Amino acid sequence: MLENYLPILVFLVMGLLFGIGPVVAGFILAPNKPDSEKLSPYECGFEAFEDSRMKFDVRYYLVAILFIIFDLEIAFLFPWAVVMEELGMFGFMAMLMFLGILVIGFIYEWNKGALEWE
């Protein structure tokens, strides 16, 4: 019975070796010569002007969430378009309903001013 688990054990050990091995080899073999330039935070080629833990406006997150929502819409449209003929009218109406719900959400966000940047 244990011989059935041997390939899994070998797979896990090899995975760990391939995953952790290069990191360990990098720490062992790489030169370690830190200086002020390497240890400074990089910010587009000039010195950092504020703390890295400053608060961001919530609109950054809102725009990111809106992007994810409408990006997922496209991810659902491609497979639907591939099998459109096989789905027939039912698939077409289901996708129209899906797009309608997204358009209603988009109009709601637009009316609430979520897309306005001051």
N, C-alpha and C. Protein backbone atom coordinates (compact mmCIF):
# COMPACT_ATOMS: atom_id res chain seq x y z
N MET A 1 0.81 -1.20 0.00
CA MET A 1 0.00 0.00 0.00
C MET A 1 0.86 1.27 0.00
N LEU A 2 1.95 1.25 0.74
CA LEU A 2 2.81 2.44 0.78
C LEU A 2 3.50 2.69 -0.55
N GLU A 3 3.71 1.66 -1.36
CA GLU A 3 4.35 1.86 -2.65
C GLU A 3 3.49 2.70 -3.59
N ASN A 4 2.18 2.80 -3.31
CA ASN A 4 1.31 3.66 -4.12
C ASN A 4 1.59 5.14 -3.86
N TYR A 5 2.10 5.45 -2.67
CA TYR A 5 2.36 6.84 -2.32
C TYR A 5 3.78 7.28 -2.66
N LEU A 6 4.63 6.36 -3.06
CA LEU A 6 6.00 6.71 -3.39
C LEU A 6 6.10 7.72 -4.54
N PRO A 7 5.35 7.57 -5.64
CA PRO A 7 5.44 8.60 -6.70
C PRO A 7 5.01 9.99 -6.22
N ILE A 8 4.03 10.04 -5.32
CA ILE A 8 3.60 11.34 -4.79
C ILE A 8 4.70 11.96 -3.95
N LEU A 9 5.35 11.12 -3.12
CA LEU A 9 6.45 11.62 -2.30
C LEU A 9 7.60 12.12 -3.18
N VAL A 10 7.94 11.36 -4.21
CA VAL A 10 9.00 11.78 -5.12
C VAL A 10 8.63 13.08 -5.82
N PHE A 11 7.37 13.19 -6.23
CA PHE A 11 6.91 14.41 -6.88
C PHE A 11 7.01 15.62 -5.95
N LEU A 12 6.61 15.45 -4.68
CA LEU A 12 6.69 16.56 -3.73
C LEU A 12 8.14 16.95 -3.45
N VAL A 13 9.01 15.96 -3.28
CA VAL A 13 10.42 16.26 -3.01
C VAL A 13 11.04 16.98 -4.20
N MET A 14 10.78 16.51 -5.41
CA MET A 14 11.33 17.17 -6.60
C MET A 14 10.76 18.58 -6.76
N GLY A 15 9.49 18.74 -6.46
CA GLY A 15 8.90 20.07 -6.54
C GLY A 15 9.54 21.03 -5.56
N LEU A 16 9.77 20.56 -4.34
CA LEU A 16 10.44 21.42 -3.36
C LEU A 16 11.87 21.73 -3.77
N LEU A 17 12.57 20.75 -4.32
CA LEU A 17 13.94 21.00 -4.77
C LEU A 17 13.98 22.01 -5.91
N PHE A 18 13.07 21.87 -6.86
CA PHE A 18 13.05 22.81 -7.98
C PHE A 18 12.54 24.19 -7.56
N GLY A 19 11.70 24.24 -6.54
CA GLY A 19 11.17 25.53 -6.10
C GLY A 19 12.06 26.26 -5.12
N ILE A 20 12.59 25.53 -4.16
CA ILE A 20 13.39 26.16 -3.11
C ILE A 20 14.87 26.14 -3.44
N GLY A 21 15.31 25.15 -4.23
CA GLY A 21 16.73 25.01 -4.56
C GLY A 21 17.35 26.25 -5.17
N PRO A 22 16.75 26.86 -6.21
CA PRO A 22 17.36 28.07 -6.79
C PRO A 22 17.42 29.25 -5.81
N VAL A 23 16.45 29.35 -4.92
CA VAL A 23 16.47 30.44 -3.95
C VAL A 23 17.63 30.25 -2.98
N VAL A 24 17.79 29.03 -2.48
CA VAL A 24 18.89 28.74 -1.56
C VAL A 24 20.22 28.92 -2.28
N ALA A 25 20.31 28.44 -3.52
CA ALA A 25 21.56 28.60 -4.28
C ALA A 25 21.87 30.08 -4.49
N GLY A 26 20.86 30.89 -4.70
CA GLY A 26 21.08 32.32 -4.87
C GLY A 26 21.63 32.96 -3.61
N PHE A 27 21.10 32.57 -2.45
CA PHE A 27 21.61 33.13 -1.20
C PHE A 27 23.04 32.67 -0.93
N ILE A 28 23.36 31.45 -1.31
CA ILE A 28 24.69 30.92 -1.03
C ILE A 28 25.72 31.47 -2.02
N LEU A 29 25.39 31.51 -3.30
CA LEU A 29 26.38 31.85 -4.33
C LEU A 29 26.45 33.33 -4.68
N ALA A 30 25.38 34.08 -4.46
CA ALA A 30 25.36 35.49 -4.89
C ALA A 30 26.21 36.36 -3.98
N PRO A 31 26.88 37.35 -4.56
CA PRO A 31 27.65 38.26 -3.70
C PRO A 31 26.70 39.17 -2.90
N ASN A 32 27.10 39.45 -1.69
CA ASN A 32 26.28 40.27 -0.81
C ASN A 32 27.06 41.55 -0.50
N LYS A 33 26.83 42.58 -1.31
CA LYS A 33 27.52 43.86 -1.14
C LYS A 33 26.49 44.97 -1.07
N PRO A 34 25.75 45.10 0.04
CA PRO A 34 24.73 46.15 0.12
C PRO A 34 25.37 47.53 0.25
N ASP A 35 24.74 48.50 -0.37
CA ASP A 35 25.13 49.89 -0.21
C ASP A 35 23.86 50.73 -0.10
N SER A 36 24.01 52.00 0.10
CA SER A 36 22.84 52.85 0.32
C SER A 36 21.93 52.91 -0.90
N GLU A 37 22.51 52.82 -2.09
CA GLU A 37 21.71 52.88 -3.31
C GLU A 37 20.85 51.64 -3.47
N LYS A 38 21.40 50.48 -3.15
CA LYS A 38 20.64 49.24 -3.27
C LYS A 38 19.57 49.12 -2.18
N LEU A 39 19.83 49.65 -1.02
CA LEU A 39 18.89 49.52 0.09
C LEU A 39 17.80 50.59 0.09
N SER A 40 17.92 51.60 -0.76
CA SER A 40 16.92 52.66 -0.80
C SER A 40 15.69 52.21 -1.59
N PRO A 41 14.51 52.70 -1.21
CA PRO A 41 13.31 52.33 -1.98
C PRO A 41 13.32 53.01 -3.34
N TYR A 42 12.96 52.26 -4.35
CA TYR A 42 12.96 52.80 -5.71
C TYR A 42 11.62 53.44 -6.01
N GLU A 43 11.64 54.67 -6.49
CA GLU A 43 10.40 55.34 -6.85
C GLU A 43 10.63 56.13 -8.13
N CYS A 44 10.58 55.47 -9.24
CA CYS A 44 10.65 56.08 -10.56
C CYS A 44 11.92 56.91 -10.77
N GLY A 45 13.00 56.51 -10.19
CA GLY A 45 14.26 57.17 -10.46
C GLY A 45 14.58 58.37 -9.59
N PHE A 46 13.68 58.75 -8.67
CA PHE A 46 14.00 59.85 -7.78
C PHE A 46 13.73 59.44 -6.35
N GLU A 47 14.20 60.25 -5.42
CA GLU A 47 14.06 59.92 -4.00
C GLU A 47 12.59 59.87 -3.58
N ALA A 48 12.29 58.95 -2.69
CA ALA A 48 10.92 58.84 -2.17
C ALA A 48 10.58 60.11 -1.40
N PHE A 49 9.39 60.63 -1.62
CA PHE A 49 9.02 61.89 -0.99
C PHE A 49 8.03 61.72 0.15
N GLU A 50 7.47 60.54 0.33
CA GLU A 50 6.55 60.31 1.44
C GLU A 50 6.77 58.92 1.99
N ASP A 51 6.06 58.63 3.06
CA ASP A 51 6.13 57.31 3.66
C ASP A 51 5.47 56.30 2.73
N SER A 52 6.01 55.11 2.67
CA SER A 52 5.45 54.09 1.79
C SER A 52 4.12 53.55 2.30
N ARG A 53 3.76 53.85 3.52
CA ARG A 53 2.51 53.37 4.08
C ARG A 53 1.45 54.46 4.18
N MET A 54 1.52 55.43 3.26
CA MET A 54 0.53 56.50 3.28
C MET A 54 -0.83 55.97 2.82
N LYS A 55 -1.87 56.65 3.19
CA LYS A 55 -3.22 56.22 2.84
C LYS A 55 -3.53 56.61 1.40
N PHE A 56 -4.17 55.69 0.69
CA PHE A 56 -4.61 55.95 -0.68
C PHE A 56 -6.08 56.30 -0.67
N ASP A 57 -6.46 57.07 -1.64
CA ASP A 57 -7.87 57.38 -1.80
C ASP A 57 -8.62 56.11 -2.19
N VAL A 58 -9.83 55.97 -1.70
CA VAL A 58 -10.61 54.75 -1.95
C VAL A 58 -10.94 54.61 -3.44
N ARG A 59 -10.85 55.68 -4.21
CA ARG A 59 -11.16 55.61 -5.64
C ARG A 59 -10.18 54.73 -6.41
N TYR A 60 -8.94 54.64 -5.92
CA TYR A 60 -8.00 53.72 -6.57
C TYR A 60 -8.54 52.29 -6.51
N TYR A 61 -9.02 51.91 -5.35
CA TYR A 61 -9.54 50.56 -5.18
C TYR A 61 -10.83 50.37 -5.95
N LEU A 62 -11.65 51.39 -5.99
CA LEU A 62 -12.91 51.30 -6.72
C LEU A 62 -12.66 51.11 -8.22
N VAL A 63 -11.71 51.85 -8.76
CA VAL A 63 -11.38 51.69 -10.18
C VAL A 63 -10.80 50.31 -10.43
N ALA A 64 -10.00 49.81 -9.52
CA ALA A 64 -9.43 48.47 -9.68
C ALA A 64 -10.53 47.41 -9.67
N ILE A 65 -11.49 47.53 -8.79
CA ILE A 65 -12.60 46.57 -8.73
C ILE A 65 -13.45 46.66 -9.98
N LEU A 66 -13.70 47.87 -10.46
CA LEU A 66 -14.47 48.02 -11.69
C LEU A 66 -13.74 47.39 -12.87
N PHE A 67 -12.43 47.56 -12.91
CA PHE A 67 -11.66 46.94 -13.99
C PHE A 67 -11.78 45.42 -13.94
N ILE A 68 -11.69 44.85 -12.74
CA ILE A 68 -11.79 43.39 -12.61
C ILE A 68 -13.16 42.91 -13.05
N ILE A 69 -14.20 43.63 -12.66
CA ILE A 69 -15.56 43.22 -13.04
C ILE A 69 -15.72 43.20 -14.55
N PHE A 70 -15.31 44.27 -15.22
CA PHE A 70 -15.52 44.34 -16.66
C PHE A 70 -14.49 43.49 -17.41
N ASP A 71 -13.37 43.19 -16.79
CA ASP A 71 -12.42 42.27 -17.40
C ASP A 71 -12.98 40.85 -17.36
N LEU A 72 -13.65 40.49 -16.28
CA LEU A 72 -14.27 39.17 -16.19
C LEU A 72 -15.42 39.04 -17.18
N GLU A 73 -16.07 40.15 -17.46
CA GLU A 73 -17.14 40.11 -18.47
C GLU A 73 -16.58 39.63 -19.80
N ILE A 74 -15.45 40.15 -20.19
CA ILE A 74 -14.83 39.73 -21.44
C ILE A 74 -14.40 38.27 -21.37
N ALA A 75 -13.94 37.83 -20.20
CA ALA A 75 -13.53 36.43 -20.05
C ALA A 75 -14.72 35.49 -20.24
N PHE A 76 -15.92 35.93 -19.91
CA PHE A 76 -17.10 35.10 -20.13
C PHE A 76 -17.61 35.19 -21.57
N LEU A 77 -17.31 36.28 -22.25
CA LEU A 77 -17.80 36.44 -23.62
C LEU A 77 -17.08 35.55 -24.62
N PHE A 78 -15.80 35.32 -24.45
CA PHE A 78 -15.05 34.52 -25.42
C PHE A 78 -15.55 33.08 -25.51
N PRO A 79 -15.68 32.35 -24.39
CA PRO A 79 -16.19 30.97 -24.53
C PRO A 79 -17.61 30.94 -25.07
N TRP A 80 -18.41 31.91 -24.70
CA TRP A 80 -19.79 31.97 -25.20
C TRP A 80 -19.79 32.16 -26.71
N ALA A 81 -18.90 33.03 -27.20
CA ALA A 81 -18.86 33.28 -28.64
C ALA A 81 -18.40 32.04 -29.41
N VAL A 82 -17.57 31.23 -28.80
CA VAL A 82 -17.08 30.03 -29.49
C VAL A 82 -18.20 29.02 -29.70
N VAL A 83 -19.07 28.88 -28.69
CA VAL A 83 -20.14 27.86 -28.78
C VAL A 83 -21.50 28.49 -29.04
N MET A 84 -21.52 29.66 -29.61
CA MET A 84 -22.77 30.40 -29.84
C MET A 84 -23.76 29.60 -30.67
N GLU A 85 -23.32 28.97 -31.73
CA GLU A 85 -24.24 28.23 -32.60
C GLU A 85 -24.84 27.03 -31.89
N GLU A 86 -24.08 26.37 -31.03
CA GLU A 86 -24.57 25.20 -30.31
C GLU A 86 -25.58 25.58 -29.23
N LEU A 87 -25.45 26.75 -28.65
CA LEU A 87 -26.35 27.17 -27.58
C LEU A 87 -27.71 27.60 -28.10
N GLY A 88 -27.72 28.14 -29.28
CA GLY A 88 -28.99 28.56 -29.87
C GLY A 88 -29.54 29.81 -29.21
N MET A 89 -30.86 29.93 -29.27
CA MET A 89 -31.54 31.14 -28.77
C MET A 89 -31.46 31.23 -27.25
N PHE A 90 -31.48 30.09 -26.55
CA PHE A 90 -31.40 30.11 -25.09
C PHE A 90 -30.08 30.72 -24.63
N GLY A 91 -28.97 30.31 -25.25
CA GLY A 91 -27.66 30.86 -24.90
C GLY A 91 -27.56 32.34 -25.23
N PHE A 92 -28.17 32.73 -26.35
CA PHE A 92 -28.15 34.14 -26.73
C PHE A 92 -28.91 34.99 -25.71
N MET A 93 -30.09 34.50 -25.30
CA MET A 93 -30.89 35.26 -24.32
C MET A 93 -30.20 35.30 -22.94
N ALA A 94 -29.56 34.19 -22.57
CA ALA A 94 -28.84 34.17 -21.29
C ALA A 94 -27.70 35.18 -21.30
N MET A 95 -26.98 35.27 -22.41
CA MET A 95 -25.89 36.23 -22.48
C MET A 95 -26.41 37.66 -22.54
N LEU A 96 -27.53 37.88 -23.20
CA LEU A 96 -28.13 39.22 -23.19
C LEU A 96 -28.54 39.62 -21.78
N MET A 97 -29.07 38.68 -21.02
CA MET A 97 -29.44 38.99 -19.64
C MET A 97 -28.19 39.29 -18.81
N PHE A 98 -27.13 38.51 -19.00
CA PHE A 98 -25.87 38.76 -18.29
C PHE A 98 -25.32 40.14 -18.64
N LEU A 99 -25.28 40.46 -19.92
CA LEU A 99 -24.78 41.77 -20.33
C LEU A 99 -25.69 42.90 -19.86
N GLY A 100 -27.00 42.64 -19.84
CA GLY A 100 -27.93 43.65 -19.35
C GLY A 100 -27.69 43.99 -17.89
N ILE A 101 -27.46 42.96 -17.07
CA ILE A 101 -27.18 43.20 -15.66
C ILE A 101 -25.89 44.01 -15.50
N LEU A 102 -24.88 43.69 -16.30
CA LEU A 102 -23.63 44.44 -16.22
C LEU A 102 -23.81 45.88 -16.69
N VAL A 103 -24.60 46.08 -17.72
CA VAL A 103 -24.84 47.44 -18.22
C VAL A 103 -25.62 48.25 -17.17
N ILE A 104 -26.59 47.63 -16.52
CA ILE A 104 -27.32 48.33 -15.46
C ILE A 104 -26.37 48.73 -14.33
N GLY A 105 -25.47 47.81 -13.96
CA GLY A 105 -24.47 48.14 -12.94
C GLY A 105 -23.55 49.26 -13.38
N PHE A 106 -23.17 49.25 -14.64
CA PHE A 106 -22.29 50.30 -15.17
C PHE A 106 -23.00 51.65 -15.15
N ILE A 107 -24.26 51.67 -15.55
CA ILE A 107 -25.02 52.93 -15.54
C ILE A 107 -25.19 53.44 -14.11
N TYR A 108 -25.44 52.52 -13.18
CA TYR A 108 -25.56 52.90 -11.77
C TYR A 108 -24.27 53.53 -11.26
N GLU A 109 -23.14 52.91 -11.57
CA GLU A 109 -21.85 53.46 -11.14
C GLU A 109 -21.58 54.81 -11.78
N TRP A 110 -21.95 54.94 -13.04
CA TRP A 110 -21.75 56.21 -13.73
C TRP A 110 -22.59 57.31 -13.08
N ASN A 111 -23.86 56.99 -12.76
CA ASN A 111 -24.73 57.99 -12.13
C ASN A 111 -24.28 58.36 -10.74
N LYS A 112 -23.71 57.41 -10.01
CA LYS A 112 -23.22 57.69 -8.65
C LYS A 112 -21.90 58.46 -8.65
N GLY A 113 -21.27 58.57 -9.82
CA GLY A 113 -20.02 59.32 -9.92
C GLY A 113 -18.79 58.49 -9.59
N ALA A 114 -18.91 57.18 -9.66
CA ALA A 114 -17.76 56.33 -9.35
C ALA A 114 -16.67 56.46 -10.39
N LEU A 115 -17.00 56.90 -11.57
CA LEU A 115 -16.01 57.02 -12.64
C LEU A 115 -15.46 58.44 -12.77
N GLU A 116 -15.94 59.35 -11.95
CA GLU A 116 -15.47 60.74 -11.97
C GLU A 116 -14.19 60.84 -11.15
N TRP A 117 -13.23 61.59 -11.65
CA TRP A 117 -11.99 61.80 -10.94
C TRP A 117 -11.81 63.28 -10.69
N GLU A 118 -11.69 63.66 -9.44
CA GLU A 118 -11.60 65.08 -9.08
C GLU A 118 -10.18 65.56 -9.01
